[in-house]
Amino acid sequence: MASHSETQVLPFSAQQMFDMVIDVGKYPDFLPWCVATRIKSRTPEEMVADMAVGFKMIQERYTSHITWQEPTHIHIKDAGGPFKYLETDWKFLPRAEGCQVDFRIDFEFSSALLEKVMGGIFTEAAHKMMQAFIARAENIYP
């Protein structure tokens, strides 16, 4: 299993960052490789969402079960798709200068072929994903 984690202190509130990350429907507007999303169900504390991702000739769809404690934590767990294991955690910790964002993703592909093709670039993709969220925050919270 591989993992990637990053911590950034950003000049935005924990609530602003939480609101942006939980807005799954907007992901295709700014996330690299995100082709489409669909919210299948949602309650005040959890949702199930599909995401279609594409990279070169490969396109995959997966389902995530997302839970949260607003505005400090979002937990995303694979609920069906190309992963043997996928979990993501976002933590938003208030700081005097904004908030500290802790991002962690742990993953393992279910297919050896997909692992060979995508495994090496997935960590780089996770870093680019974090950068895309930062750029999005800078655009919507000037």
C-alpha atoms as a PDB file:
ATOM      1  CA  MET A   1       0.000   0.000   0.000  1.00  0.00           C
ATOM      2  CA  ALA A   2       1.228   3.482  -0.838  1.00  0.00           C
ATOM      3  CA  SER A   3       0.456   6.757   0.853  1.00  0.00           C
ATOM      4  CA  HIS A   4       0.953  10.473   0.475  1.00  0.00           C
ATOM      5  CA  SER A   5       0.525  13.231   3.050  1.00  0.00           C
ATOM      6  CA  GLU A   6       0.969  16.990   3.061  1.00  0.00           C
ATOM      7  CA  THR A   7       0.498  19.796   5.538  1.00  0.00           C
ATOM      8  CA  GLN A   8      -0.026  23.409   4.500  1.00  0.00           C
ATOM      9  CA  VAL A   9      -0.884  26.511   6.518  1.00  0.00           C
ATOM     10  CA  LEU A  10      -3.226  28.603   4.399  1.00  0.00           C
ATOM     11  CA  PRO A  11      -4.733  32.081   4.844  1.00  0.00           C
ATOM     12  CA  PHE A  12      -8.298  30.743   4.807  1.00  0.00           C
ATOM     13  CA  SER A  13     -10.573  29.687   7.642  1.00  0.00           C
ATOM     14  CA  ALA A  14     -11.157  26.051   8.510  1.00  0.00           C
ATOM     15  CA  GLN A  15     -14.808  26.547   7.516  1.00  0.00           C
ATOM     16  CA  GLN A  16     -13.859  27.915   4.100  1.00  0.00           C
ATOM     17  CA  MET A  17     -11.522  25.003   3.407  1.00  0.00           C
ATOM     18  CA  PHE A  18     -14.043  22.482   4.707  1.00  0.00           C
ATOM     19  CA  ASP A  19     -16.810  23.954   2.520  1.00  0.00           C
ATOM     20  CA  MET A  20     -14.623  23.814  -0.570  1.00  0.00           C
ATOM     21  CA  VAL A  21     -13.435  20.216  -0.062  1.00  0.00           C
ATOM     22  CA  ILE A  22     -16.917  18.901   0.785  1.00  0.00           C
ATOM     23  CA  ASP A  23     -18.358  20.463  -2.406  1.00  0.00           C
ATOM     24  CA  VAL A  24     -17.755  17.309  -4.460  1.00  0.00           C
ATOM     25  CA  GLY A  25     -20.025  18.501  -7.271  1.00  0.00           C
ATOM     26  CA  LYS A  26     -17.508  21.236  -8.181  1.00  0.00           C
ATOM     27  CA  TYR A  27     -14.509  18.875  -8.491  1.00  0.00           C
ATOM     28  CA  PRO A  28     -14.668  18.592 -12.310  1.00  0.00           C
ATOM     29  CA  ASP A  29     -14.267  22.396 -12.488  1.00  0.00           C
ATOM     30  CA  PHE A  30     -10.767  22.383 -11.012  1.00  0.00           C
ATOM     31  CA  LEU A  31      -9.368  18.950 -10.137  1.00  0.00           C
ATOM     32  CA  PRO A  32      -6.940  17.472 -12.660  1.00  0.00           C
ATOM     33  CA  TRP A  33      -8.187  14.210 -14.138  1.00  0.00           C
ATOM     34  CA  CYS A  34     -11.655  14.548 -12.581  1.00  0.00           C
ATOM     35  CA  VAL A  35     -14.085  14.076 -15.452  1.00  0.00           C
ATOM     36  CA  ALA A  36     -17.408  13.927 -13.571  1.00  0.00           C
ATOM     37  CA  THR A  37     -18.981  13.514 -10.140  1.00  0.00           C
ATOM     38  CA  ARG A  38     -22.428  12.431  -8.999  1.00  0.00           C
ATOM     39  CA  ILE A  39     -23.851  12.599  -5.485  1.00  0.00           C
ATOM     40  CA  LYS A  40     -25.819   9.389  -4.944  1.00  0.00           C
ATOM     41  CA  SER A  41     -27.033  10.184  -1.431  1.00  0.00           C
ATOM     42  CA  ARG A  42     -26.458  12.804   1.251  1.00  0.00           C
ATOM     43  CA  THR A  43     -27.398  13.364   4.878  1.00  0.00           C
ATOM     44  CA  PRO A  44     -26.137  16.083   7.263  1.00  0.00           C
ATOM     45  CA  GLU A  45     -23.128  13.892   8.250  1.00  0.00           C
ATOM     46  CA  GLU A  46     -22.321  11.719   5.248  1.00  0.00           C
ATOM     47  CA  MET A  47     -22.637  11.217   1.511  1.00  0.00           C
ATOM     48  CA  VAL A  48     -22.004   8.626  -1.151  1.00  0.00           C
ATOM     49  CA  ALA A  49     -20.564   9.981  -4.386  1.00  0.00           C
ATOM     50  CA  ASP A  50     -19.308   8.624  -7.693  1.00  0.00           C
ATOM     51  CA  MET A  51     -16.274  10.126  -9.367  1.00  0.00           C
ATOM     52  CA  ALA A  52     -15.031   9.482 -12.890  1.00  0.00           C
ATOM     53  CA  VAL A  53     -11.336  10.108 -13.438  1.00  0.00           C
ATOM     54  CA  GLY A  54      -9.392   9.989 -16.671  1.00  0.00           C
ATOM     55  CA  PHE A  55      -5.706   9.974 -17.504  1.00  0.00           C
ATOM     56  CA  LYS A  56      -4.539   9.455 -21.082  1.00  0.00           C
ATOM     57  CA  MET A  57      -6.217   6.246 -22.298  1.00  0.00           C
ATOM     58  CA  ILE A  58      -7.426   5.159 -18.852  1.00  0.00           C
ATOM     59  CA  GLN A  59     -10.775   6.149 -17.436  1.00  0.00           C
ATOM     60  CA  GLU A  60     -12.138   4.729 -14.193  1.00  0.00           C
ATOM     61  CA  ARG A  61     -15.140   5.354 -12.008  1.00  0.00           C
ATOM     62  CA  TYR A  62     -15.262   4.768  -8.298  1.00  0.00           C
ATOM     63  CA  THR A  63     -17.656   5.314  -5.434  1.00  0.00           C
ATOM     64  CA  SER A  64     -16.707   6.988  -2.158  1.00  0.00           C
ATOM     65  CA  HIS A  65     -18.362   6.999   1.226  1.00  0.00           C
ATOM     66  CA  ILE A  66     -17.677  10.404   2.772  1.00  0.00           C
ATOM     67  CA  THR A  67     -18.167  11.298   6.427  1.00  0.00           C
ATOM     68  CA  TRP A  68     -17.292  14.485   8.283  1.00  0.00           C
ATOM     69  CA  GLN A  69     -17.206  16.539  11.432  1.00  0.00           C
ATOM     70  CA  GLU A  70     -17.781  20.090  10.274  1.00  0.00           C
ATOM     71  CA  PRO A  71     -15.555  22.130   9.971  1.00  0.00           C
ATOM     72  CA  THR A  72     -12.508  20.134  11.088  1.00  0.00           C
ATOM     73  CA  HIS A  73     -12.423  16.723   9.388  1.00  0.00           C
ATOM     74  CA  ILE A  74     -13.488  14.923   6.196  1.00  0.00           C
ATOM     75  CA  HIS A  75     -12.912  11.173   5.802  1.00  0.00           C
ATOM     76  CA  ILE A  76     -13.288   9.496   2.412  1.00  0.00           C
ATOM     77  CA  LYS A  77     -13.320   5.725   1.981  1.00  0.00           C
ATOM     78  CA  ASP A  78     -13.553   3.691  -1.211  1.00  0.00           C
ATOM     79  CA  ALA A  79     -16.929   2.014  -1.625  1.00  0.00           C
ATOM     80  CA  GLY A  80     -16.396   0.407  -5.026  1.00  0.00           C
ATOM     81  CA  GLY A  81     -14.056   0.860  -7.962  1.00  0.00           C
ATOM     82  CA  PRO A  82     -10.507   0.139  -9.115  1.00  0.00           C
ATOM     83  CA  PHE A  83      -8.972   0.244  -5.642  1.00  0.00           C
ATOM     84  CA  LYS A  84      -8.267  -2.581  -3.269  1.00  0.00           C
ATOM     85  CA  TYR A  85      -7.925   0.125  -0.636  1.00  0.00           C
ATOM     86  CA  LEU A  86      -8.431   3.885  -0.706  1.00  0.00           C
ATOM     87  CA  GLU A  87      -8.817   6.219   2.252  1.00  0.00           C
ATOM     88  CA  THR A  88      -8.370   9.964   2.383  1.00  0.00           C
ATOM     89  CA  ASP A  89      -8.404  12.300   5.357  1.00  0.00           C
ATOM     90  CA  TRP A  90      -8.625  16.074   5.350  1.00  0.00           C
ATOM     91  CA  LYS A  91      -8.112  17.891   8.653  1.00  0.00           C
ATOM     92  CA  PHE A  92      -8.610  21.625   9.049  1.00  0.00           C
ATOM     93  CA  LEU A  93      -7.038  23.094  12.181  1.00  0.00           C
ATOM     94  CA  PRO A  94      -7.646  26.771  12.991  1.00  0.00           C
ATOM     95  CA  ARG A  95      -4.484  28.877  13.227  1.00  0.00           C
ATOM     96  CA  ALA A  96      -3.991  32.594  13.855  1.00  0.00           C
ATOM     97  CA  GLU A  97      -2.991  33.064  10.213  1.00  0.00           C
ATOM     98  CA  GLY A  98      -5.863  30.956   8.802  1.00  0.00           C
ATOM     99  CA  CYS A  99      -5.859  27.189   9.080  1.00  0.00           C
ATOM    100  CA  GLN A 100      -3.543  24.237   8.859  1.00  0.00           C
ATOM    101  CA  VAL A 101      -4.660  21.709   6.265  1.00  0.00           C
ATOM    102  CA  ASP A 102      -3.490  18.136   6.799  1.00  0.00           C
ATOM    103  CA  PHE A 103      -4.109  15.902   3.778  1.00  0.00           C
ATOM    104  CA  ARG A 104      -3.407  12.155   3.730  1.00  0.00           C
ATOM    105  CA  ILE A 105      -4.260   9.510   1.157  1.00  0.00           C
ATOM    106  CA  ASP A 106      -3.553   5.775   1.423  1.00  0.00           C
ATOM    107  CA  PHE A 107      -4.210   3.580  -1.599  1.00  0.00           C
ATOM    108  CA  GLU A 108      -3.678   0.267  -3.324  1.00  0.00           C
ATOM    109  CA  PHE A 109      -5.061  -0.651  -6.732  1.00  0.00           C
ATOM    110  CA  SER A 110      -6.991  -3.921  -7.061  1.00  0.00           C
ATOM    111  CA  SER A 111      -5.480  -4.795 -10.430  1.00  0.00           C
ATOM    112  CA  ALA A 112      -1.777  -5.522 -10.924  1.00  0.00           C
ATOM    113  CA  LEU A 113      -1.977  -3.916 -14.375  1.00  0.00           C
ATOM    114  CA  LEU A 114      -3.564  -0.735 -13.007  1.00  0.00           C
ATOM    115  CA  GLU A 115      -1.006  -0.672 -10.189  1.00  0.00           C
ATOM    116  CA  LYS A 116       1.789  -0.906 -12.750  1.00  0.00           C
ATOM    117  CA  VAL A 117       0.323   1.817 -14.978  1.00  0.00           C
ATOM    118  CA  MET A 118      -1.008   4.212 -12.338  1.00  0.00           C
ATOM    119  CA  GLY A 119       0.815   3.368  -9.106  1.00  0.00           C
ATOM    120  CA  GLY A 120       3.938   5.327  -9.948  1.00  0.00           C
ATOM    121  CA  ILE A 121       2.104   8.529 -10.793  1.00  0.00           C
ATOM    122  CA  PHE A 122      -0.630   8.367  -8.158  1.00  0.00           C
ATOM    123  CA  THR A 123       1.502  10.036  -5.467  1.00  0.00           C
ATOM    124  CA  GLU A 124       2.359  12.848  -7.885  1.00  0.00           C
ATOM    125  CA  ALA A 125      -1.345  13.107  -8.741  1.00  0.00           C
ATOM    126  CA  ALA A 126      -2.192  13.397  -5.028  1.00  0.00           C
ATOM    127  CA  HIS A 127       0.257  16.289  -4.697  1.00  0.00           C
ATOM    128  CA  LYS A 128      -1.241  17.985  -7.774  1.00  0.00           C
ATOM    129  CA  MET A 129      -4.673  17.460  -6.266  1.00  0.00           C
ATOM    130  CA  MET A 130      -3.645  19.321  -3.102  1.00  0.00           C
ATOM    131  CA  GLN A 131      -2.222  22.132  -5.242  1.00  0.00           C
ATOM    132  CA  ALA A 132      -5.498  22.297  -7.191  1.00  0.00           C
ATOM    133  CA  PHE A 133      -7.460  22.727  -3.954  1.00  0.00           C
ATOM    134  CA  ILE A 134      -5.109  25.533  -2.870  1.00  0.00           C
ATOM    135  CA  ALA A 135      -5.494  27.284  -6.242  1.00  0.00           C
ATOM    136  CA  ARG A 136      -9.276  26.884  -6.010  1.00  0.00           C
ATOM    137  CA  ALA A 137      -9.299  28.453  -2.521  1.00  0.00           C
ATOM    138  CA  GLU A 138      -7.229  31.382  -3.817  1.00  0.00           C
ATOM    139  CA  ASN A 139      -9.785  31.874  -6.630  1.00  0.00           C
ATOM    140  CA  ILE A 140     -12.966  31.687  -4.569  1.00  0.00           C
ATOM    141  CA  TYR A 141     -11.711  33.322  -1.330  1.00  0.00           C
ATOM    142  CA  PRO A 142      -9.691  36.335  -2.579  1.00  0.00           C
END
